[in-house]
Amino acid sequence: MVMTESTMLPLGTQAPDFALPDVVSDQVVSLADFADAKALLVIFMCNHCPFVKHLAQPLAAFAKEYQAKGLAVVGINSNDVANYPDDHPDLMKQEVTQQGYTFPYLYDESQVVAKAYKAACTPDFFVFNRQQQLAYRGQFDSSRPGNDLPIDGADLRAACDAILAETNVPEPQAPSIGCNIKWKSGNAPDYFSA
């Protein structure tokens, strides 16, 4: 299991635009759809990564809890499905049902959106404030597969609480760690080599 850290996109970065298909509804979901949200959590994730599997159920519960508080949530899978068929959109749809995700799960086939966010790993978390400026990028919590720490979402929870309350996010922000995004051959961005 190769561990990759998030790139820690600069705080204050304006949310890069996206317009991607939701695997469940077959509707295109865009950044503009969240223009009125108090805050927006963008998660780069996939089906097969052990780091995502480790968090899947707690993440589903977290999303449901925080959506009720006004946090908009969207998941994006940017992996190369030709070489990683477990991440195919048909299986993404099954994953939504199996895990109980209450947020759109989008497929970034071109990997353009992952590059715009400088996403590097799964899971990779980005939280934007009401003005869609980056206020948090980092880990769900300190738990990892096999380290026996509680999966409580402490870091993301503290960040979202602060952003929803329009106060400063606690520092320091620890990078997320997971599997590298599975770039298509010749498509790995210059900020990250697959």
N, C-alpha and C. Protein backbone atom coordinates (compact mmCIF):
# COMPACT_ATOMS: atom_id res chain seq x y z
N MET A 1 0.85 -1.18 0.00
CA MET A 1 0.00 0.00 0.00
C MET A 1 0.90 1.25 0.00
N VAL A 2 0.91 1.97 -1.13
CA VAL A 2 1.72 3.18 -1.24
C VAL A 2 0.91 4.35 -0.69
N MET A 3 1.53 5.13 0.21
CA MET A 3 0.83 6.27 0.80
C MET A 3 1.28 7.55 0.12
N THR A 4 0.28 8.35 -0.26
CA THR A 4 0.53 9.63 -0.92
C THR A 4 -0.16 10.72 -0.12
N GLU A 5 0.52 11.84 0.09
CA GLU A 5 -0.06 12.97 0.82
C GLU A 5 -0.73 13.94 -0.14
N SER A 6 -1.73 14.65 0.35
CA SER A 6 -2.37 15.71 -0.44
C SER A 6 -1.36 16.83 -0.68
N THR A 7 -1.60 17.61 -1.73
CA THR A 7 -0.68 18.67 -2.12
C THR A 7 -0.81 19.93 -1.27
N MET A 8 -1.88 20.01 -0.47
CA MET A 8 -2.11 21.17 0.40
C MET A 8 -2.22 22.46 -0.43
N LEU A 9 -3.17 22.46 -1.34
CA LEU A 9 -3.51 23.64 -2.14
C LEU A 9 -3.57 24.87 -1.24
N PRO A 10 -3.07 26.03 -1.67
CA PRO A 10 -3.05 27.20 -0.78
C PRO A 10 -4.44 27.60 -0.28
N LEU A 11 -4.52 27.89 1.01
CA LEU A 11 -5.77 28.38 1.59
C LEU A 11 -6.16 29.68 0.90
N GLY A 12 -7.46 29.90 0.75
CA GLY A 12 -7.95 31.08 0.06
C GLY A 12 -8.16 30.88 -1.42
N THR A 13 -7.66 29.76 -1.97
CA THR A 13 -7.86 29.46 -3.39
C THR A 13 -9.35 29.40 -3.70
N GLN A 14 -9.76 30.04 -4.78
CA GLN A 14 -11.15 29.98 -5.22
C GLN A 14 -11.43 28.58 -5.74
N ALA A 15 -12.59 28.03 -5.40
CA ALA A 15 -12.93 26.66 -5.83
C ALA A 15 -12.88 26.55 -7.35
N PRO A 16 -12.07 25.66 -7.88
CA PRO A 16 -12.06 25.45 -9.32
C PRO A 16 -13.42 24.94 -9.81
N ASP A 17 -13.81 25.38 -10.97
CA ASP A 17 -15.11 25.01 -11.51
C ASP A 17 -15.12 23.53 -11.90
N PHE A 18 -16.29 22.95 -11.89
CA PHE A 18 -16.48 21.60 -12.39
C PHE A 18 -17.92 21.44 -12.88
N ALA A 19 -18.10 20.52 -13.79
CA ALA A 19 -19.42 20.11 -14.27
C ALA A 19 -19.27 18.66 -14.71
N LEU A 20 -19.71 17.75 -13.83
CA LEU A 20 -19.46 16.32 -14.03
C LEU A 20 -20.74 15.53 -13.81
N PRO A 21 -20.84 14.35 -14.46
CA PRO A 21 -22.04 13.52 -14.28
C PRO A 21 -22.06 12.81 -12.93
N ASP A 22 -23.23 12.84 -12.30
CA ASP A 22 -23.48 12.07 -11.08
C ASP A 22 -23.86 10.66 -11.52
N VAL A 23 -23.17 9.65 -10.98
CA VAL A 23 -23.39 8.28 -11.44
C VAL A 23 -24.76 7.74 -11.06
N VAL A 24 -25.41 8.32 -10.07
CA VAL A 24 -26.73 7.83 -9.65
C VAL A 24 -27.85 8.48 -10.46
N SER A 25 -27.84 9.80 -10.54
CA SER A 25 -28.94 10.51 -11.21
C SER A 25 -28.73 10.69 -12.71
N ASP A 26 -27.49 10.49 -13.17
CA ASP A 26 -27.09 10.76 -14.56
C ASP A 26 -27.22 12.24 -14.92
N GLN A 27 -27.38 13.11 -13.91
CA GLN A 27 -27.45 14.55 -14.13
C GLN A 27 -26.05 15.15 -13.96
N VAL A 28 -25.80 16.22 -14.70
CA VAL A 28 -24.53 16.93 -14.53
C VAL A 28 -24.65 17.82 -13.29
N VAL A 29 -23.67 17.73 -12.41
CA VAL A 29 -23.60 18.53 -11.20
C VAL A 29 -22.41 19.48 -11.36
N SER A 30 -22.65 20.76 -11.08
CA SER A 30 -21.58 21.75 -11.26
C SER A 30 -21.34 22.53 -9.98
N LEU A 31 -20.22 23.23 -9.95
CA LEU A 31 -19.90 24.07 -8.80
C LEU A 31 -21.01 25.10 -8.57
N ALA A 32 -21.58 25.60 -9.66
CA ALA A 32 -22.65 26.61 -9.55
C ALA A 32 -23.85 26.10 -8.77
N ASP A 33 -24.07 24.79 -8.77
CA ASP A 33 -25.19 24.21 -8.02
C ASP A 33 -25.05 24.44 -6.51
N PHE A 34 -23.85 24.77 -6.05
CA PHE A 34 -23.59 24.95 -4.62
C PHE A 34 -23.36 26.42 -4.26
N ALA A 35 -23.74 27.32 -5.16
CA ALA A 35 -23.48 28.75 -4.97
C ALA A 35 -24.09 29.30 -3.68
N ASP A 36 -25.21 28.74 -3.24
CA ASP A 36 -25.88 29.24 -2.04
C ASP A 36 -25.53 28.46 -0.77
N ALA A 37 -24.62 27.52 -0.88
CA ALA A 37 -24.26 26.70 0.29
C ALA A 37 -23.47 27.50 1.31
N LYS A 38 -23.68 27.19 2.59
CA LYS A 38 -22.89 27.80 3.66
C LYS A 38 -21.42 27.40 3.54
N ALA A 39 -21.19 26.17 3.08
CA ALA A 39 -19.85 25.62 2.90
C ALA A 39 -19.97 24.42 1.97
N LEU A 40 -18.87 24.09 1.32
CA LEU A 40 -18.85 22.98 0.37
C LEU A 40 -17.64 22.09 0.64
N LEU A 41 -17.90 20.80 0.83
CA LEU A 41 -16.86 19.79 0.97
C LEU A 41 -16.75 19.03 -0.35
N VAL A 42 -15.57 19.08 -0.95
CA VAL A 42 -15.27 18.31 -2.16
C VAL A 42 -14.31 17.20 -1.76
N ILE A 43 -14.70 15.96 -2.04
CA ILE A 43 -13.88 14.80 -1.66
C ILE A 43 -13.45 14.06 -2.91
N PHE A 44 -12.16 13.95 -3.15
CA PHE A 44 -11.67 13.08 -4.22
C PHE A 44 -11.53 11.70 -3.60
N MET A 45 -12.24 10.74 -4.19
CA MET A 45 -12.38 9.42 -3.59
C MET A 45 -12.54 8.39 -4.70
N CYS A 46 -12.65 7.15 -4.34
CA CYS A 46 -12.88 6.08 -5.30
C CYS A 46 -13.47 4.89 -4.55
N ASN A 47 -13.64 3.79 -5.26
CA ASN A 47 -14.23 2.59 -4.64
C ASN A 47 -13.19 1.65 -4.04
N HIS A 48 -12.06 1.48 -4.72
CA HIS A 48 -11.17 0.36 -4.39
C HIS A 48 -10.09 0.69 -3.36
N CYS A 49 -9.79 1.95 -3.14
CA CYS A 49 -8.67 2.33 -2.28
C CYS A 49 -8.91 1.90 -0.83
N PRO A 50 -7.95 1.22 -0.20
CA PRO A 50 -8.14 0.80 1.19
C PRO A 50 -8.29 1.96 2.16
N PHE A 51 -7.73 3.13 1.84
CA PHE A 51 -7.88 4.29 2.71
C PHE A 51 -9.32 4.81 2.66
N VAL A 52 -9.92 4.79 1.47
CA VAL A 52 -11.32 5.20 1.34
C VAL A 52 -12.23 4.16 1.99
N LYS A 53 -11.96 2.89 1.75
CA LYS A 53 -12.77 1.82 2.37
C LYS A 53 -12.74 1.94 3.89
N HIS A 54 -11.58 2.29 4.43
CA HIS A 54 -11.40 2.44 5.87
C HIS A 54 -12.36 3.50 6.45
N LEU A 55 -12.62 4.56 5.66
CA LEU A 55 -13.44 5.67 6.13
C LEU A 55 -14.88 5.65 5.61
N ALA A 56 -15.21 4.74 4.72
CA ALA A 56 -16.47 4.84 3.96
C ALA A 56 -17.71 5.00 4.85
N GLN A 57 -17.91 4.11 5.80
CA GLN A 57 -19.09 4.20 6.66
C GLN A 57 -19.08 5.45 7.54
N PRO A 58 -17.97 5.75 8.23
CA PRO A 58 -17.93 6.98 9.01
C PRO A 58 -18.09 8.24 8.14
N LEU A 59 -17.56 8.21 6.93
CA LEU A 59 -17.71 9.35 6.03
C LEU A 59 -19.16 9.53 5.61
N ALA A 60 -19.85 8.43 5.34
CA ALA A 60 -21.27 8.51 4.98
C ALA A 60 -22.07 9.13 6.14
N ALA A 61 -21.77 8.69 7.38
CA ALA A 61 -22.47 9.23 8.55
C ALA A 61 -22.13 10.71 8.75
N PHE A 62 -20.85 11.05 8.57
CA PHE A 62 -20.43 12.45 8.71
C PHE A 62 -21.17 13.33 7.70
N ALA A 63 -21.21 12.90 6.45
CA ALA A 63 -21.86 13.69 5.41
C ALA A 63 -23.33 13.92 5.73
N LYS A 64 -24.01 12.88 6.14
CA LYS A 64 -25.43 13.01 6.46
C LYS A 64 -25.64 13.99 7.63
N GLU A 65 -24.81 13.88 8.65
CA GLU A 65 -24.90 14.76 9.82
C GLU A 65 -24.66 16.21 9.43
N TYR A 66 -23.61 16.45 8.63
CA TYR A 66 -23.23 17.82 8.32
C TYR A 66 -24.05 18.43 7.19
N GLN A 67 -24.62 17.61 6.33
CA GLN A 67 -25.55 18.16 5.34
C GLN A 67 -26.75 18.79 6.05
N ALA A 68 -27.16 18.19 7.16
CA ALA A 68 -28.28 18.74 7.94
C ALA A 68 -27.91 20.08 8.58
N LYS A 69 -26.60 20.35 8.73
CA LYS A 69 -26.14 21.61 9.31
C LYS A 69 -25.87 22.67 8.25
N GLY A 70 -26.02 22.30 6.98
CA GLY A 70 -25.82 23.27 5.90
C GLY A 70 -24.58 23.07 5.06
N LEU A 71 -23.82 22.00 5.32
CA LEU A 71 -22.64 21.70 4.51
C LEU A 71 -23.07 20.97 3.24
N ALA A 72 -22.70 21.48 2.09
CA ALA A 72 -22.90 20.76 0.84
C ALA A 72 -21.72 19.81 0.66
N VAL A 73 -21.98 18.62 0.14
CA VAL A 73 -20.94 17.60 -0.01
C VAL A 73 -21.02 17.01 -1.42
N VAL A 74 -19.86 16.81 -2.02
CA VAL A 74 -19.80 16.14 -3.32
C VAL A 74 -18.55 15.26 -3.35
N GLY A 75 -18.70 14.05 -3.88
CA GLY A 75 -17.57 13.14 -4.06
C GLY A 75 -17.21 13.09 -5.53
N ILE A 76 -15.91 13.00 -5.84
CA ILE A 76 -15.45 12.94 -7.22
C ILE A 76 -14.45 11.80 -7.35
N ASN A 77 -14.69 10.94 -8.34
CA ASN A 77 -13.76 9.86 -8.66
C ASN A 77 -13.07 10.22 -9.97
N SER A 78 -11.74 10.37 -9.92
CA SER A 78 -10.96 10.74 -11.10
C SER A 78 -10.05 9.61 -11.58
N ASN A 79 -10.20 8.42 -11.02
CA ASN A 79 -9.29 7.33 -11.35
C ASN A 79 -9.48 6.80 -12.77
N ASP A 80 -8.39 6.27 -13.31
CA ASP A 80 -8.38 5.62 -14.63
C ASP A 80 -9.09 4.26 -14.51
N VAL A 81 -10.31 4.19 -15.03
CA VAL A 81 -11.08 2.96 -14.86
C VAL A 81 -10.67 1.85 -15.83
N ALA A 82 -9.93 2.21 -16.86
CA ALA A 82 -9.45 1.17 -17.79
C ALA A 82 -8.48 0.23 -17.05
N ASN A 83 -7.62 0.81 -16.22
CA ASN A 83 -6.65 0.02 -15.46
C ASN A 83 -7.11 -0.33 -14.05
N TYR A 84 -8.18 0.36 -13.58
CA TYR A 84 -8.72 0.12 -12.24
C TYR A 84 -10.24 -0.04 -12.36
N PRO A 85 -10.69 -1.17 -12.94
CA PRO A 85 -12.11 -1.35 -13.23
C PRO A 85 -13.03 -1.33 -12.02
N ASP A 86 -12.49 -1.54 -10.82
CA ASP A 86 -13.32 -1.47 -9.61
C ASP A 86 -13.87 -0.07 -9.38
N ASP A 87 -13.29 0.93 -10.05
CA ASP A 87 -13.74 2.31 -9.90
C ASP A 87 -14.67 2.76 -11.03
N HIS A 88 -15.11 1.83 -11.85
CA HIS A 88 -16.02 2.14 -12.97
C HIS A 88 -17.31 2.79 -12.46
N PRO A 89 -17.90 3.70 -13.24
CA PRO A 89 -19.14 4.37 -12.81
C PRO A 89 -20.27 3.41 -12.40
N ASP A 90 -20.39 2.27 -13.07
CA ASP A 90 -21.44 1.32 -12.67
C ASP A 90 -21.22 0.83 -11.23
N LEU A 91 -19.95 0.63 -10.88
CA LEU A 91 -19.63 0.19 -9.52
C LEU A 91 -19.66 1.35 -8.53
N MET A 92 -19.42 2.56 -9.02
CA MET A 92 -19.59 3.74 -8.17
C MET A 92 -21.04 3.82 -7.71
N LYS A 93 -21.96 3.56 -8.62
CA LYS A 93 -23.39 3.60 -8.30
C LYS A 93 -23.71 2.58 -7.20
N GLN A 94 -23.13 1.39 -7.31
CA GLN A 94 -23.33 0.35 -6.28
C GLN A 94 -22.74 0.81 -4.95
N GLU A 95 -21.60 1.50 -5.01
CA GLU A 95 -20.93 1.97 -3.80
C GLU A 95 -21.80 2.99 -3.05
N VAL A 96 -22.47 3.85 -3.79
CA VAL A 96 -23.36 4.83 -3.16
C VAL A 96 -24.43 4.12 -2.34
N THR A 97 -25.03 3.09 -2.95
CA THR A 97 -26.08 2.33 -2.26
C THR A 97 -25.52 1.56 -1.07
N GLN A 98 -24.40 0.88 -1.30
CA GLN A 98 -23.81 0.04 -0.25
C GLN A 98 -23.38 0.86 0.97
N GLN A 99 -22.76 2.01 0.73
CA GLN A 99 -22.24 2.82 1.84
C GLN A 99 -23.28 3.79 2.40
N GLY A 100 -24.33 4.06 1.64
CA GLY A 100 -25.35 5.00 2.10
C GLY A 100 -24.95 6.45 1.90
N TYR A 101 -24.17 6.73 0.85
CA TYR A 101 -23.77 8.10 0.58
C TYR A 101 -25.00 8.93 0.23
N THR A 102 -25.12 10.10 0.83
CA THR A 102 -26.26 10.99 0.59
C THR A 102 -25.84 12.19 -0.25
N PHE A 103 -24.68 12.11 -0.88
CA PHE A 103 -24.16 13.21 -1.69
C PHE A 103 -23.92 12.73 -3.12
N PRO A 104 -23.89 13.64 -4.09
CA PRO A 104 -23.59 13.24 -5.46
C PRO A 104 -22.18 12.64 -5.55
N TYR A 105 -22.05 11.60 -6.33
CA TYR A 105 -20.76 10.94 -6.56
C TYR A 105 -20.49 11.10 -8.05
N LEU A 106 -19.53 11.95 -8.38
CA LEU A 106 -19.29 12.36 -9.76
C LEU A 106 -18.10 11.64 -10.37
N TYR A 107 -18.16 11.48 -11.69
CA TYR A 107 -17.08 10.79 -12.41
C TYR A 107 -16.33 11.80 -13.27
N ASP A 108 -15.05 11.95 -12.98
CA ASP A 108 -14.16 12.88 -13.68
C ASP A 108 -13.32 12.08 -14.68
N GLU A 109 -13.94 11.67 -15.76
CA GLU A 109 -13.28 10.78 -16.73
C GLU A 109 -12.02 11.40 -17.31
N SER A 110 -12.05 12.69 -17.62
CA SER A 110 -10.91 13.37 -18.24
C SER A 110 -9.78 13.68 -17.25
N GLN A 111 -10.07 13.60 -15.96
CA GLN A 111 -9.14 13.93 -14.88
C GLN A 111 -8.80 15.42 -14.81
N VAL A 112 -9.51 16.23 -15.58
CA VAL A 112 -9.27 17.68 -15.60
C VAL A 112 -9.60 18.31 -14.26
N VAL A 113 -10.67 17.85 -13.61
CA VAL A 113 -11.08 18.44 -12.34
C VAL A 113 -10.06 18.10 -11.25
N ALA A 114 -9.59 16.87 -11.22
CA ALA A 114 -8.57 16.50 -10.24
C ALA A 114 -7.34 17.38 -10.39
N LYS A 115 -6.94 17.63 -11.63
CA LYS A 115 -5.78 18.50 -11.87
C LYS A 115 -6.05 19.93 -11.41
N ALA A 116 -7.25 20.42 -11.66
CA ALA A 116 -7.60 21.80 -11.26
C ALA A 116 -7.51 21.98 -9.75
N TYR A 117 -7.87 20.92 -9.00
CA TYR A 117 -7.83 20.96 -7.54
C TYR A 117 -6.46 20.56 -6.99
N LYS A 118 -5.56 20.16 -7.87
CA LYS A 118 -4.26 19.61 -7.47
C LYS A 118 -4.46 18.43 -6.51
N ALA A 119 -5.51 17.66 -6.78
CA ALA A 119 -5.77 16.46 -5.97
C ALA A 119 -4.66 15.45 -6.22
N ALA A 120 -4.29 14.74 -5.18
CA ALA A 120 -3.18 13.79 -5.29
C ALA A 120 -3.54 12.40 -4.79
N CYS A 121 -4.47 12.31 -3.86
CA CYS A 121 -4.72 11.03 -3.21
C CYS A 121 -6.20 10.80 -2.99
N THR A 122 -6.52 9.57 -2.65
CA THR A 122 -7.88 9.22 -2.25
C THR A 122 -7.80 8.62 -0.84
N PRO A 123 -8.52 9.26 0.09
CA PRO A 123 -9.36 10.45 -0.07
C PRO A 123 -8.55 11.73 0.05
N ASP A 124 -9.03 12.78 -0.62
CA ASP A 124 -8.44 14.11 -0.54
C ASP A 124 -9.60 15.08 -0.28
N PHE A 125 -9.55 15.80 0.83
CA PHE A 125 -10.67 16.63 1.28
C PHE A 125 -10.37 18.12 1.10
N PHE A 126 -11.34 18.85 0.54
CA PHE A 126 -11.24 20.29 0.34
C PHE A 126 -12.54 20.92 0.84
N VAL A 127 -12.46 21.86 1.78
CA VAL A 127 -13.66 22.53 2.27
C VAL A 127 -13.57 24.01 1.93
N PHE A 128 -14.61 24.50 1.28
CA PHE A 128 -14.69 25.89 0.84
C PHE A 128 -15.76 26.61 1.65
N ASN A 129 -15.51 27.88 1.94
CA ASN A 129 -16.45 28.67 2.73
C ASN A 129 -17.60 29.19 1.86
N ARG A 130 -18.42 30.04 2.43
CA ARG A 130 -19.59 30.57 1.74
C ARG A 130 -19.21 31.28 0.44
N GLN A 131 -18.02 31.88 0.40
CA GLN A 131 -17.54 32.58 -0.80
C GLN A 131 -16.80 31.63 -1.75
N GLN A 132 -16.84 30.34 -1.44
CA GLN A 132 -16.18 29.28 -2.21
C GLN A 132 -14.66 29.48 -2.27
N GLN A 133 -14.11 29.95 -1.14
CA GLN A 133 -12.67 30.06 -0.98
C GLN A 133 -12.21 28.92 -0.07
N LEU A 134 -11.06 28.33 -0.41
CA LEU A 134 -10.56 27.18 0.34
C LEU A 134 -10.22 27.57 1.77
N ALA A 135 -10.86 26.90 2.72
CA ALA A 135 -10.63 27.16 4.14
C ALA A 135 -10.00 25.97 4.86
N TYR A 136 -10.10 24.79 4.25
CA TYR A 136 -9.49 23.59 4.85
C TYR A 136 -9.13 22.61 3.75
N ARG A 137 -7.95 22.05 3.85
CA ARG A 137 -7.56 20.91 3.03
C ARG A 137 -6.70 20.05 3.92
N GLY A 138 -7.13 18.82 4.08
CA GLY A 138 -6.40 17.96 4.99
C GLY A 138 -7.10 16.65 5.24
N GLN A 139 -6.79 16.04 6.35
CA GLN A 139 -7.24 14.69 6.66
C GLN A 139 -8.62 14.67 7.31
N PHE A 140 -9.27 13.52 7.20
CA PHE A 140 -10.53 13.27 7.90
C PHE A 140 -10.24 13.21 9.40
N ASP A 141 -9.23 12.42 9.73
CA ASP A 141 -8.70 12.30 11.09
C ASP A 141 -7.38 11.56 11.00
N SER A 142 -6.79 11.21 12.13
CA SER A 142 -5.47 10.56 12.13
C SER A 142 -5.52 9.05 11.94
N SER A 143 -6.71 8.48 11.82
CA SER A 143 -6.80 7.04 11.64
C SER A 143 -6.36 6.65 10.23
N ARG A 144 -5.75 5.48 10.14
CA ARG A 144 -5.32 4.92 8.87
C ARG A 144 -5.57 3.41 8.96
N PRO A 145 -5.69 2.75 7.84
CA PRO A 145 -5.85 1.29 7.91
C PRO A 145 -4.72 0.67 8.73
N GLY A 146 -5.09 -0.04 9.79
CA GLY A 146 -4.12 -0.77 10.59
C GLY A 146 -3.48 -0.01 11.74
N ASN A 147 -3.78 1.30 11.92
CA ASN A 147 -3.12 1.99 13.04
C ASN A 147 -3.96 2.01 14.32
N ASP A 148 -5.17 1.47 14.26
CA ASP A 148 -6.03 1.29 15.43
C ASP A 148 -6.46 2.58 16.13
N LEU A 149 -6.27 3.74 15.48
CA LEU A 149 -6.80 4.99 16.04
C LEU A 149 -8.28 5.10 15.69
N PRO A 150 -9.08 5.77 16.53
CA PRO A 150 -10.51 5.86 16.26
C PRO A 150 -10.80 6.64 14.98
N ILE A 151 -11.80 6.17 14.23
CA ILE A 151 -12.24 6.87 13.03
C ILE A 151 -13.37 7.80 13.47
N ASP A 152 -12.99 9.03 13.84
CA ASP A 152 -13.99 9.95 14.39
C ASP A 152 -14.16 11.23 13.57
N GLY A 153 -13.35 11.38 12.51
CA GLY A 153 -13.46 12.56 11.68
C GLY A 153 -13.10 13.84 12.40
N ALA A 154 -12.27 13.74 13.44
CA ALA A 154 -12.00 14.89 14.31
C ALA A 154 -11.49 16.11 13.56
N ASP A 155 -10.56 15.94 12.63
CA ASP A 155 -9.98 17.07 11.93
C ASP A 155 -11.01 17.74 11.00
N LEU A 156 -11.69 16.92 10.20
CA LEU A 156 -12.68 17.47 9.27
C LEU A 156 -13.87 18.06 10.02
N ARG A 157 -14.24 17.43 11.10
CA ARG A 157 -15.35 17.91 11.93
C ARG A 157 -15.03 19.30 12.51
N ALA A 158 -13.83 19.46 13.07
CA ALA A 158 -13.43 20.75 13.64
C ALA A 158 -13.39 21.83 12.56
N ALA A 159 -12.88 21.47 11.39
CA ALA A 159 -12.80 22.42 10.29
C ALA A 159 -14.19 22.84 9.82
N CYS A 160 -15.08 21.88 9.63
CA CYS A 160 -16.43 22.20 9.15
C CYS A 160 -17.21 22.99 10.18
N ASP A 161 -17.05 22.65 11.45
CA ASP A 161 -17.72 23.43 12.51
C ASP A 161 -17.28 24.89 12.45
N ALA A 162 -15.98 25.12 12.29
CA ALA A 162 -15.46 26.49 12.23
C ALA A 162 -15.95 27.21 10.99
N ILE A 163 -15.91 26.55 9.85
CA ILE A 163 -16.32 27.19 8.60
C ILE A 163 -17.81 27.51 8.62
N LEU A 164 -18.62 26.60 9.11
CA LEU A 164 -20.06 26.86 9.21
C LEU A 164 -20.37 27.99 10.18
N ALA A 165 -19.53 28.13 11.21
CA ALA A 165 -19.71 29.22 12.18
C ALA A 165 -19.01 30.50 11.73
N GLU A 166 -18.35 30.43 10.56
CA GLU A 166 -17.62 31.56 9.98
C GLU A 166 -16.53 32.07 10.91
N THR A 167 -15.80 31.10 11.51
CA THR A 167 -14.64 31.42 12.34
C THR A 167 -13.42 30.75 11.73
N ASN A 168 -12.25 31.01 12.29
CA ASN A 168 -11.02 30.45 11.74
C ASN A 168 -10.90 28.95 12.00
N VAL A 169 -10.42 28.25 11.02
CA VAL A 169 -10.20 26.81 11.13
C VAL A 169 -8.96 26.57 11.99
N PRO A 170 -9.03 25.61 12.92
CA PRO A 170 -7.87 25.31 13.77
C PRO A 170 -6.64 24.94 12.93
N GLU A 171 -5.49 25.38 13.41
CA GLU A 171 -4.21 25.03 12.79
C GLU A 171 -3.45 24.11 13.75
N PRO A 172 -2.51 23.33 13.25
CA PRO A 172 -2.17 23.17 11.85
C PRO A 172 -3.14 22.24 11.14
N GLN A 173 -3.14 22.30 9.82
CA GLN A 173 -3.95 21.39 9.03
C GLN A 173 -3.04 20.28 8.52
N ALA A 174 -3.34 19.04 8.91
CA ALA A 174 -2.51 17.90 8.53
C ALA A 174 -2.99 17.37 7.17
N PRO A 175 -2.07 17.06 6.26
CA PRO A 175 -2.48 16.58 4.95
C PRO A 175 -3.20 15.24 5.03
N SER A 176 -4.11 15.05 4.10
CA SER A 176 -4.74 13.75 3.95
C SER A 176 -3.70 12.79 3.38
N ILE A 177 -3.87 11.53 3.68
CA ILE A 177 -2.97 10.49 3.17
C ILE A 177 -3.82 9.37 2.60
N GLY A 178 -3.44 8.88 1.44
CA GLY A 178 -4.18 7.78 0.82
C GLY A 178 -3.44 7.22 -0.36
N CYS A 179 -4.16 6.49 -1.19
CA CYS A 179 -3.60 5.98 -2.44
C CYS A 179 -3.49 7.14 -3.42
N ASN A 180 -2.48 7.10 -4.29
CA ASN A 180 -2.40 8.15 -5.30
C ASN A 180 -3.57 8.01 -6.29
N ILE A 181 -4.00 9.14 -6.84
CA ILE A 181 -5.00 9.09 -7.90
C ILE A 181 -4.39 8.31 -9.05
N LYS A 182 -5.18 7.46 -9.66
CA LYS A 182 -4.69 6.59 -10.74
C LYS A 182 -4.82 7.33 -12.06
N TRP A 183 -3.72 7.99 -12.42
CA TRP A 183 -3.70 8.80 -13.64
C TRP A 183 -3.63 7.92 -14.87
N LYS A 184 -4.28 8.36 -15.93
CA LYS A 184 -4.17 7.67 -17.21
C LYS A 184 -2.74 7.80 -17.70
N SER A 185 -2.33 6.85 -18.50
CA SER A 185 -0.96 6.84 -19.02
C SER A 185 -0.65 8.18 -19.70
N GLY A 186 0.44 8.80 -19.26
CA GLY A 186 0.87 10.06 -19.84
C GLY A 186 0.07 11.27 -19.37
N ASN A 187 -0.84 11.08 -18.41
CA ASN A 187 -1.72 12.16 -17.97
C ASN A 187 -1.38 12.69 -16.58
N ALA A 188 -0.38 12.12 -15.92
CA ALA A 188 -0.05 12.57 -14.57
C ALA A 188 0.38 14.03 -14.61
N PRO A 189 -0.16 14.86 -13.72
CA PRO A 189 0.18 16.28 -13.73
C PRO A 189 1.59 16.51 -13.23
N ASP A 190 2.12 17.70 -13.52
CA ASP A 190 3.50 18.00 -13.13
C ASP A 190 3.68 18.13 -11.62
N TYR A 191 2.58 18.40 -10.88
CA TYR A 191 2.71 18.51 -9.42
C TYR A 191 2.77 17.16 -8.74
N PHE A 192 2.54 16.10 -9.51
CA PHE A 192 2.49 14.77 -8.91
C PHE A 192 2.91 13.75 -9.96
N SER A 193 3.80 12.85 -9.63
CA SER A 193 4.16 11.80 -10.58
C SER A 193 3.61 10.49 -10.08
N ALA A 194 2.85 9.81 -10.93
CA ALA A 194 2.16 8.57 -10.55
C ALA A 194 3.15 7.45 -10.30
